[in-house]
C-alpha atoms as a PDB file:
ATOM      1  CA  MET A   1       0.215   0.095  -0.002  1.00  0.00           C
ATOM      2  CA  THR A   2       1.232   3.100  -0.647  1.00  0.00           C
ATOM      3  CA  HIS A   3       1.048   6.058   1.469  1.00  0.00           C
ATOM      4  CA  ALA A   4       2.267   9.501   0.767  1.00  0.00           C
ATOM      5  CA  SER A   5       5.294  10.717   2.992  1.00  0.00           C
ATOM      6  CA  ASN A   6       7.572  13.582   3.253  1.00  0.00           C
ATOM      7  CA  ALA A   7       8.919  16.156   1.099  1.00  0.00           C
ATOM      8  CA  GLN A   8      12.351  13.824   1.153  1.00  0.00           C
ATOM      9  CA  GLY A   9      10.945  11.365  -0.236  1.00  0.00           C
ATOM     10  CA  SER A  10       8.606  10.268  -2.843  1.00  0.00           C
ATOM     11  CA  VAL A  11       5.195  11.082  -2.497  1.00  0.00           C
ATOM     12  CA  THR A  12       2.630   9.083  -5.214  1.00  0.00           C
ATOM     13  CA  LEU A  13      -1.188   8.815  -5.824  1.00  0.00           C
ATOM     14  CA  SER A  14      -2.698   5.760  -4.304  1.00  0.00           C
ATOM     15  CA  LYS A  15      -6.610   4.435  -4.283  1.00  0.00           C
ATOM     16  CA  ASP A  16      -6.073   1.115  -2.848  1.00  0.00           C
ATOM     17  CA  GLY A  17      -7.974   0.667   0.422  1.00  0.00           C
ATOM     18  CA  LEU A  18     -10.112   4.055   0.426  1.00  0.00           C
ATOM     19  CA  PRO A  19     -13.562   3.627   2.657  1.00  0.00           C
ATOM     20  CA  GLY A  20     -16.167   3.131   0.084  1.00  0.00           C
ATOM     21  CA  TRP A  21     -18.182   6.284   0.693  1.00  0.00           C
ATOM     22  CA  LEU A  22     -14.849   8.454  -0.935  1.00  0.00           C
ATOM     23  CA  ASP A  23     -15.536   6.323  -4.134  1.00  0.00           C
ATOM     24  CA  PRO A  24     -18.644   9.073  -5.329  1.00  0.00           C
ATOM     25  CA  VAL A  25     -15.618  11.862  -5.191  1.00  0.00           C
ATOM     26  CA  VAL A  26     -12.790   9.380  -6.546  1.00  0.00           C
ATOM     27  CA  ARG A  27     -14.966   8.928  -9.603  1.00  0.00           C
ATOM     28  CA  ALA A  28     -15.938  12.646  -9.240  1.00  0.00           C
ATOM     29  CA  VAL A  29     -12.146  13.859  -9.749  1.00  0.00           C
ATOM     30  CA  GLU A  30     -11.238  10.987 -12.750  1.00  0.00           C
ATOM     31  CA  THR A  31     -14.029  12.878 -14.634  1.00  0.00           C
ATOM     32  CA  VAL A  32     -14.208  16.151 -13.958  1.00  0.00           C
ATOM     33  CA  GLU A  33     -13.001  18.613 -16.903  1.00  0.00           C
ATOM     34  CA  PRO A  34     -11.276  21.879 -15.505  1.00  0.00           C
ATOM     35  CA  VAL A  35     -14.336  24.291 -17.035  1.00  0.00           C
ATOM     36  CA  GLN A  36     -16.569  22.158 -14.779  1.00  0.00           C
ATOM     37  CA  LEU A  37     -15.188  23.443 -11.208  1.00  0.00           C
ATOM     38  CA  SER A  38     -14.655  27.348 -12.686  1.00  0.00           C
ATOM     39  CA  ARG A  39     -14.619  29.501 -15.804  1.00  0.00           C
ATOM     40  CA  PHE A  40     -11.299  30.790 -13.792  1.00  0.00           C
ATOM     41  CA  LEU A  41      -8.358  28.686 -16.009  1.00  0.00           C
ATOM     42  CA  PRO A  42      -4.859  29.311 -16.006  1.00  0.00           C
ATOM     43  CA  PRO A  43      -3.933  31.833 -18.477  1.00  0.00           C
ATOM     44  CA  ALA A  44      -2.261  30.637 -21.844  1.00  0.00           C
ATOM     45  CA  ASP A  45       0.948  32.138 -21.255  1.00  0.00           C
ATOM     46  CA  GLY A  46       2.145  30.203 -18.259  1.00  0.00           C
ATOM     47  CA  ALA A  47       1.371  33.559 -16.243  1.00  0.00           C
ATOM     48  CA  GLY A  48       0.463  32.992 -12.574  1.00  0.00           C
ATOM     49  CA  ARG A  49       2.166  31.558  -8.990  1.00  0.00           C
ATOM     50  CA  GLN A  50       2.186  27.962  -8.635  1.00  0.00           C
ATOM     51  CA  SER A  51       0.445  26.712  -5.610  1.00  0.00           C
ATOM     52  CA  ALA A  52      -1.395  23.779  -3.983  1.00  0.00           C
ATOM     53  CA  VAL A  53      -3.883  23.084  -1.186  1.00  0.00           C
ATOM     54  CA  LEU A  54      -4.945  19.919   0.155  1.00  0.00           C
ATOM     55  CA  ILE A  55      -8.705  18.942   0.818  1.00  0.00           C
ATOM     56  CA  LEU A  56      -8.300  16.504   3.028  1.00  0.00           C
ATOM     57  CA  PHE A  57     -11.031  14.120   3.740  1.00  0.00           C
ATOM     58  CA  GLY A  58     -11.620  12.530   7.654  1.00  0.00           C
ATOM     59  CA  GLU A  59     -13.498  10.204   9.323  1.00  0.00           C
ATOM     60  CA  GLY A  60     -15.078  12.209  12.417  1.00  0.00           C
ATOM     61  CA  GLU A  61     -18.116  11.682  15.090  1.00  0.00           C
ATOM     62  CA  ARG A  62     -20.603  12.470  12.786  1.00  0.00           C
ATOM     63  CA  GLY A  63     -19.083  10.522   9.897  1.00  0.00           C
ATOM     64  CA  PRO A  64     -17.290  12.278   6.514  1.00  0.00           C
ATOM     65  CA  GLU A  65     -15.366  15.404   7.480  1.00  0.00           C
ATOM     66  CA  LEU A  66     -13.298  17.948   5.694  1.00  0.00           C
ATOM     67  CA  LEU A  67     -10.199  19.787   7.219  1.00  0.00           C
ATOM     68  CA  LEU A  68     -10.154  23.716   6.903  1.00  0.00           C
ATOM     69  CA  MET A  69      -8.316  26.798   8.540  1.00  0.00           C
ATOM     70  CA  GLU A  70      -9.187  30.423   8.652  1.00  0.00           C
ATOM     71  CA  ARG A  71      -6.797  32.679   7.405  1.00  0.00           C
ATOM     72  CA  ALA A  72      -5.116  35.279   9.868  1.00  0.00           C
ATOM     73  CA  SER A  73      -6.995  38.841   9.231  1.00  0.00           C
ATOM     74  CA  SER A  74      -3.203  40.357   9.098  1.00  0.00           C
ATOM     75  CA  LEU A  75      -2.342  38.553   5.805  1.00  0.00           C
ATOM     76  CA  ARG A  76      -2.051  40.555   2.484  1.00  0.00           C
ATOM     77  CA  SER A  77      -4.120  37.983   0.470  1.00  0.00           C
ATOM     78  CA  HIS A  78      -7.513  36.560   1.571  1.00  0.00           C
ATOM     79  CA  ALA A  79      -7.007  37.372   4.923  1.00  0.00           C
ATOM     80  CA  GLY A  80      -9.551  36.014   7.294  1.00  0.00           C
ATOM     81  CA  GLN A  81     -11.012  33.571   4.813  1.00  0.00           C
ATOM     82  CA  PRO A  82     -11.866  29.737   5.769  1.00  0.00           C
ATOM     83  CA  SER A  83      -9.611  27.962   3.088  1.00  0.00           C
ATOM     84  CA  PHE A  84      -8.144  24.454   2.577  1.00  0.00           C
ATOM     85  CA  PRO A  85      -4.494  24.186   3.765  1.00  0.00           C
ATOM     86  CA  GLY A  86      -2.176  25.132   1.152  1.00  0.00           C
ATOM     87  CA  GLY A  87      -0.107  27.990  -0.847  1.00  0.00           C
ATOM     88  CA  ALA A  88       2.810  28.483  -3.020  1.00  0.00           C
ATOM     89  CA  LEU A  89       5.192  26.191  -4.025  1.00  0.00           C
ATOM     90  CA  ASP A  90       9.136  26.143  -2.571  1.00  0.00           C
ATOM     91  CA  PRO A  91      11.820  25.549  -5.227  1.00  0.00           C
ATOM     92  CA  GLU A  92      12.681  21.845  -3.392  1.00  0.00           C
ATOM     93  CA  ASP A  93       8.470  20.913  -4.052  1.00  0.00           C
ATOM     94  CA  GLY A  94       9.522  20.332  -7.027  1.00  0.00           C
ATOM     95  CA  ASP A  95       7.827  20.014 -10.761  1.00  0.00           C
ATOM     96  CA  PRO A  96       5.010  21.732 -10.607  1.00  0.00           C
ATOM     97  CA  GLN A  97       4.033  20.196 -13.829  1.00  0.00           C
ATOM     98  CA  GLY A  98       5.164  16.598 -11.827  1.00  0.00           C
ATOM     99  CA  ASP A  99       4.993  16.035  -7.897  1.00  0.00           C
ATOM    100  CA  GLY A 100       5.469  19.096  -6.981  1.00  0.00           C
ATOM    101  CA  PRO A 101       2.344  20.337  -6.337  1.00  0.00           C
ATOM    102  CA  LEU A 102       1.891  16.878  -3.955  1.00  0.00           C
ATOM    103  CA  ARG A 103       4.617  17.681  -2.306  1.00  0.00           C
ATOM    104  CA  ALA A 104       3.560  21.445  -1.533  1.00  0.00           C
ATOM    105  CA  ALA A 105       0.189  20.623  -0.614  1.00  0.00           C
ATOM    106  CA  LEU A 106       1.308  18.486   1.957  1.00  0.00           C
ATOM    107  CA  ARG A 107       4.204  20.509   3.482  1.00  0.00           C
ATOM    108  CA  GLU A 108       2.000  23.663   3.972  1.00  0.00           C
ATOM    109  CA  ALA A 109      -0.564  21.492   5.577  1.00  0.00           C
ATOM    110  CA  GLU A 110       1.513  20.345   7.730  1.00  0.00           C
ATOM    111  CA  GLU A 111       3.239  23.494   8.171  1.00  0.00           C
ATOM    112  CA  GLU A 112       0.082  25.450   8.718  1.00  0.00           C
ATOM    113  CA  THR A 113      -2.363  22.728  10.913  1.00  0.00           C
ATOM    114  CA  GLY A 114       0.809  20.438  12.536  1.00  0.00           C
ATOM    115  CA  LEU A 115      -0.888  16.870  10.841  1.00  0.00           C
ATOM    116  CA  ASP A 116       1.754  14.314   9.960  1.00  0.00           C
ATOM    117  CA  PRO A 117       1.895  13.830   6.180  1.00  0.00           C
ATOM    118  CA  ALA A 118       2.749  10.464   6.772  1.00  0.00           C
ATOM    119  CA  GLY A 119      -0.721   9.581   8.298  1.00  0.00           C
ATOM    120  CA  VAL A 120      -2.243  11.293   4.730  1.00  0.00           C
ATOM    121  CA  GLN A 121      -2.915   8.747   1.486  1.00  0.00           C
ATOM    122  CA  LEU A 122      -3.310  11.460  -0.935  1.00  0.00           C
ATOM    123  CA  PHE A 123      -5.696   9.958  -4.192  1.00  0.00           C
ATOM    124  CA  GLY A 124      -6.764  12.823  -6.665  1.00  0.00           C
ATOM    125  CA  VAL A 125      -5.473  15.562  -8.078  1.00  0.00           C
ATOM    126  CA  LEU A 126      -7.888  17.676  -9.632  1.00  0.00           C
ATOM    127  CA  PRO A 127      -7.709  19.991 -12.879  1.00  0.00           C
ATOM    128  CA  LYS A 128      -5.416  23.295 -12.403  1.00  0.00           C
ATOM    129  CA  LEU A 129      -7.675  26.313 -11.907  1.00  0.00           C
ATOM    130  CA  TYR A 130      -6.990  30.296 -11.802  1.00  0.00           C
ATOM    131  CA  ILE A 131      -7.730  32.620  -8.302  1.00  0.00           C
ATOM    132  CA  PRO A 132      -7.529  36.300 -10.874  1.00  0.00           C
ATOM    133  CA  VAL A 133      -7.566  38.324  -7.252  1.00  0.00           C
ATOM    134  CA  SER A 134      -4.110  36.935  -6.285  1.00  0.00           C
ATOM    135  CA  GLY A 135      -2.524  35.409  -9.677  1.00  0.00           C
ATOM    136  CA  PHE A 136      -2.586  31.750  -7.990  1.00  0.00           C
ATOM    137  CA  VAL A 137      -2.852  28.873 -10.233  1.00  0.00           C
ATOM    138  CA  VAL A 138      -3.751  26.538  -7.474  1.00  0.00           C
ATOM    139  CA  THR A 139      -3.566  22.633  -7.956  1.00  0.00           C
ATOM    140  CA  SER A 140      -6.577  21.002  -5.406  1.00  0.00           C
ATOM    141  CA  VAL A 141      -4.600  17.847  -4.022  1.00  0.00           C
ATOM    142  CA  LEU A 142      -7.273  15.003  -2.794  1.00  0.00           C
ATOM    143  CA  GLY A 143      -6.259  12.924   0.445  1.00  0.00           C
ATOM    144  CA  TRP A 144      -7.662  10.859   3.056  1.00  0.00           C
ATOM    145  CA  TRP A 145      -6.712  10.837   6.389  1.00  0.00           C
ATOM    146  CA  ARG A 146      -5.589   7.389   7.046  1.00  0.00           C
ATOM    147  CA  GLU A 147      -4.343   7.936  10.480  1.00  0.00           C
ATOM    148  CA  PRO A 148      -5.282  11.367  11.913  1.00  0.00           C
ATOM    149  CA  THR A 149      -3.396  13.588  14.112  1.00  0.00           C
ATOM    150  CA  PRO A 150      -4.168  16.116  16.584  1.00  0.00           C
ATOM    151  CA  VAL A 151      -4.279  19.562  14.315  1.00  0.00           C
ATOM    152  CA  GLY A 152      -4.163  23.421  15.336  1.00  0.00           C
ATOM    153  CA  VAL A 153      -2.548  26.324  15.110  1.00  0.00           C
ATOM    154  CA  VAL A 154       0.886  27.268  14.471  1.00  0.00           C
ATOM    155  CA  ASP A 155       1.702  29.978  13.563  1.00  0.00           C
ATOM    156  CA  PRO A 156      -1.105  32.731  14.589  1.00  0.00           C
ATOM    157  CA  ASN A 157       0.588  35.411  12.240  1.00  0.00           C
ATOM    158  CA  GLU A 158      -1.114  33.265   9.506  1.00  0.00           C
ATOM    159  CA  THR A 159      -3.311  30.961  10.681  1.00  0.00           C
ATOM    160  CA  ALA A 160      -6.301  32.204  12.837  1.00  0.00           C
ATOM    161  CA  ARG A 161      -7.689  28.969  13.766  1.00  0.00           C
ATOM    162  CA  VAL A 162      -7.975  25.082  12.058  1.00  0.00           C
ATOM    163  CA  PHE A 163     -11.360  23.136  11.932  1.00  0.00           C
ATOM    164  CA  THR A 164     -13.306  20.226  10.604  1.00  0.00           C
ATOM    165  CA  VAL A 165     -16.700  20.511   9.243  1.00  0.00           C
ATOM    166  CA  PRO A 166     -18.875  17.386   8.463  1.00  0.00           C
ATOM    167  CA  VAL A 167     -20.097  16.910   5.210  1.00  0.00           C
ATOM    168  CA  ALA A 168     -23.489  16.585   6.095  1.00  0.00           C
ATOM    169  CA  ASP A 169     -23.580  19.975   7.270  1.00  0.00           C
ATOM    170  CA  LEU A 170     -21.943  21.316   3.919  1.00  0.00           C
ATOM    171  CA  THR A 171     -24.513  19.024   2.309  1.00  0.00           C
ATOM    172  CA  ASP A 172     -27.371  20.694   4.608  1.00  0.00           C
ATOM    173  CA  PRO A 173     -29.862  22.444   2.814  1.00  0.00           C
ATOM    174  CA  ALA A 174     -29.925  24.900   5.663  1.00  0.00           C
ATOM    175  CA  ASN A 175     -26.362  26.185   5.657  1.00  0.00           C
ATOM    176  CA  ARG A 176     -26.100  26.896   2.044  1.00  0.00           C
ATOM    177  CA  ALA A 177     -26.198  30.913   0.584  1.00  0.00           C
ATOM    178  CA  THR A 178     -25.429  32.255  -2.261  1.00  0.00           C
ATOM    179  CA  THR A 179     -22.153  35.295  -1.698  1.00  0.00           C
ATOM    180  CA  VAL A 180     -22.117  37.967  -4.080  1.00  0.00           C
ATOM    181  CA  HIS A 181     -18.510  40.203  -3.709  1.00  0.00           C
ATOM    182  CA  PRO A 182     -18.723  43.665  -4.152  1.00  0.00           C
ATOM    183  CA  SER A 183     -17.703  43.685  -7.626  1.00  0.00           C
ATOM    184  CA  GLY A 184     -20.923  42.011  -8.447  1.00  0.00           C
ATOM    185  CA  HIS A 185     -19.494  38.339  -8.685  1.00  0.00           C
ATOM    186  CA  ARG A 186     -22.236  35.238  -7.389  1.00  0.00           C
ATOM    187  CA  GLY A 187     -20.576  32.185  -5.673  1.00  0.00           C
ATOM    188  CA  PRO A 188     -21.603  29.839  -3.455  1.00  0.00           C
ATOM    189  CA  ALA A 189     -21.540  29.731   0.493  1.00  0.00           C
ATOM    190  CA  PHE A 190     -21.324  27.184   3.753  1.00  0.00           C
ATOM    191  CA  LEU A 191     -22.160  28.848   7.051  1.00  0.00           C
ATOM    192  CA  VAL A 192     -20.740  26.263   8.767  1.00  0.00           C
ATOM    193  CA  GLU A 193     -18.435  26.194  12.350  1.00  0.00           C
ATOM    194  CA  SER A 194     -19.230  30.145  12.663  1.00  0.00           C
ATOM    195  CA  ALA A 195     -18.227  30.546   9.504  1.00  0.00           C
ATOM    196  CA  LEU A 196     -18.629  31.570   6.211  1.00  0.00           C
ATOM    197  CA  VAL A 197     -16.687  29.668   3.640  1.00  0.00           C
ATOM    198  CA  TRP A 198     -16.997  31.555   0.103  1.00  0.00           C
ATOM    199  CA  GLY A 199     -14.517  32.365  -2.433  1.00  0.00           C
ATOM    200  CA  PHE A 200     -12.470  29.738  -4.169  1.00  0.00           C
ATOM    201  CA  THR A 201     -12.658  27.151  -1.517  1.00  0.00           C
ATOM    202  CA  ALA A 202     -16.570  27.050  -1.331  1.00  0.00           C
ATOM    203  CA  GLY A 203     -17.072  26.881  -5.137  1.00  0.00           C
ATOM    204  CA  ILE A 204     -14.569  23.496  -4.625  1.00  0.00           C
ATOM    205  CA  ILE A 205     -16.544  22.016  -2.176  1.00  0.00           C
ATOM    206  CA  ASP A 206     -19.610  22.610  -3.980  1.00  0.00           C
ATOM    207  CA  ARG A 207     -18.246  21.232  -7.277  1.00  0.00           C
ATOM    208  CA  LEU A 208     -17.109  17.944  -5.527  1.00  0.00           C
ATOM    209  CA  LEU A 209     -20.187  17.539  -3.587  1.00  0.00           C
ATOM    210  CA  HIS A 210     -22.316  18.296  -7.262  1.00  0.00           C
ATOM    211  CA  TYR A 211     -20.411  15.784  -9.054  1.00  0.00           C
ATOM    212  CA  SER A 212     -20.055  13.493  -6.242  1.00  0.00           C
ATOM    213  CA  GLY A 213     -24.177  12.665  -6.545  1.00  0.00           C
ATOM    214  CA  TRP A 214     -23.885  14.314  -2.297  1.00  0.00           C
ATOM    215  CA  GLU A 215     -25.730  17.660  -3.231  1.00  0.00           C
ATOM    216  CA  ARG A 216     -28.787  18.321  -1.785  1.00  0.00           C
ATOM    217  CA  PRO A 217     -31.347  20.706  -3.888  1.00  0.00           C
ATOM    218  CA  TRP A 218     -30.954  23.985  -2.221  1.00  0.00           C
ATOM    219  CA  ASP A 219     -32.171  27.808  -2.155  1.00  0.00           C
ATOM    220  CA  ARG A 220     -29.837  29.667  -4.228  1.00  0.00           C
ATOM    221  CA  ASP A 221     -31.352  32.918  -4.076  1.00  0.00           C
ATOM    222  CA  LYS A 222     -30.918  32.733  -0.165  1.00  0.00           C
ATOM    223  CA  GLN A 223     -28.084  35.452   0.305  1.00  0.00           C
ATOM    224  CA  VAL A 224     -25.777  36.238   2.776  1.00  0.00           C
ATOM    225  CA  PRO A 225     -23.119  39.321   2.850  1.00  0.00           C
ATOM    226  CA  LEU A 226     -19.818  39.197   2.934  1.00  0.00           C
ATOM    227  CA  ASP A 227     -19.504  41.230   6.307  1.00  0.00           C
ATOM    228  CA  TRP A 228     -22.090  38.576   7.666  1.00  0.00           C
ATOM    229  CA  ARG A 229     -21.141  38.795  11.307  1.00  0.00           C
ATOM    230  CA  SER A 230     -21.458  42.887  11.236  1.00  0.00           C
END
């Protein structure tokens, strides 16, 4: 059985021994097209900063769950936003077109949440997408938290908190809404764990739920402002 290892060893993808409930996610990842995920695709000229995020599925007290973090309010980009662990590729991560994003996703997750990468089995990669506001070209790497380890804030300058969200809460229609950005852009949002998940992260979760067949009908006319707490 292949496990993901740290940045010094080889990092590979493996579907061996995944729990059955992940099968729809695996199928979705294998078949989804870039344009089915987002209208923001990487620039054809190769511009953009290569980065990676870890979409980590675990199993908690209430069944399947996702690991998320809330970015520190002092950060330059995406401040205060809930997000997947992740960040820009470093030179030591290796080839951005090879296993570099896999290494970067695990390295960033370890740096931001303290998880042990040895307990994570990577099983899939989504097509690269683009975040125009920050210029990041993002590779979303999917993993199964085979051997969970304690997580929490490692550096308060980067991360405000680390938390897990049950998939059941993400699919609950009562927790779903549409956000309208000041720019006029509309997008899916989730009100979970006293957080408003929106933007790139919510978009990916929304599409994964949809193409995995986990989505439940929800009121797309229900809007929530980005400053919903104030």
